């Protein structure tokens, strides 16, 4: 499991002098599986799968005072992939 938080504070002179705050946070769980096999003496085949579950995603941006919310979004997403790689050695030392 991986947790990530990114924050930013930005001072703007609109006027009045205003503090804008950024927040991006998330938690994810991911994994990968690989099967590597030698097909021929000079040929290697790699098969694999990758999965990522971003089960908490938050994006927020707002002015602190006076309070004004520009963005307040929460969500989740999943990504997955299957792959294959065939490697052939043309010249063997």
Foldseek 3Di string as FASTA:
>chain_A
DDKDKDKDWDWDPPPPTWIKIKIWIWDKDKDKDWDWDAPDPFKIKIKMKIKMKGPWIWIWMFIDVVTDTPDTDIDIDMDMDIDMDMGGDPDDD
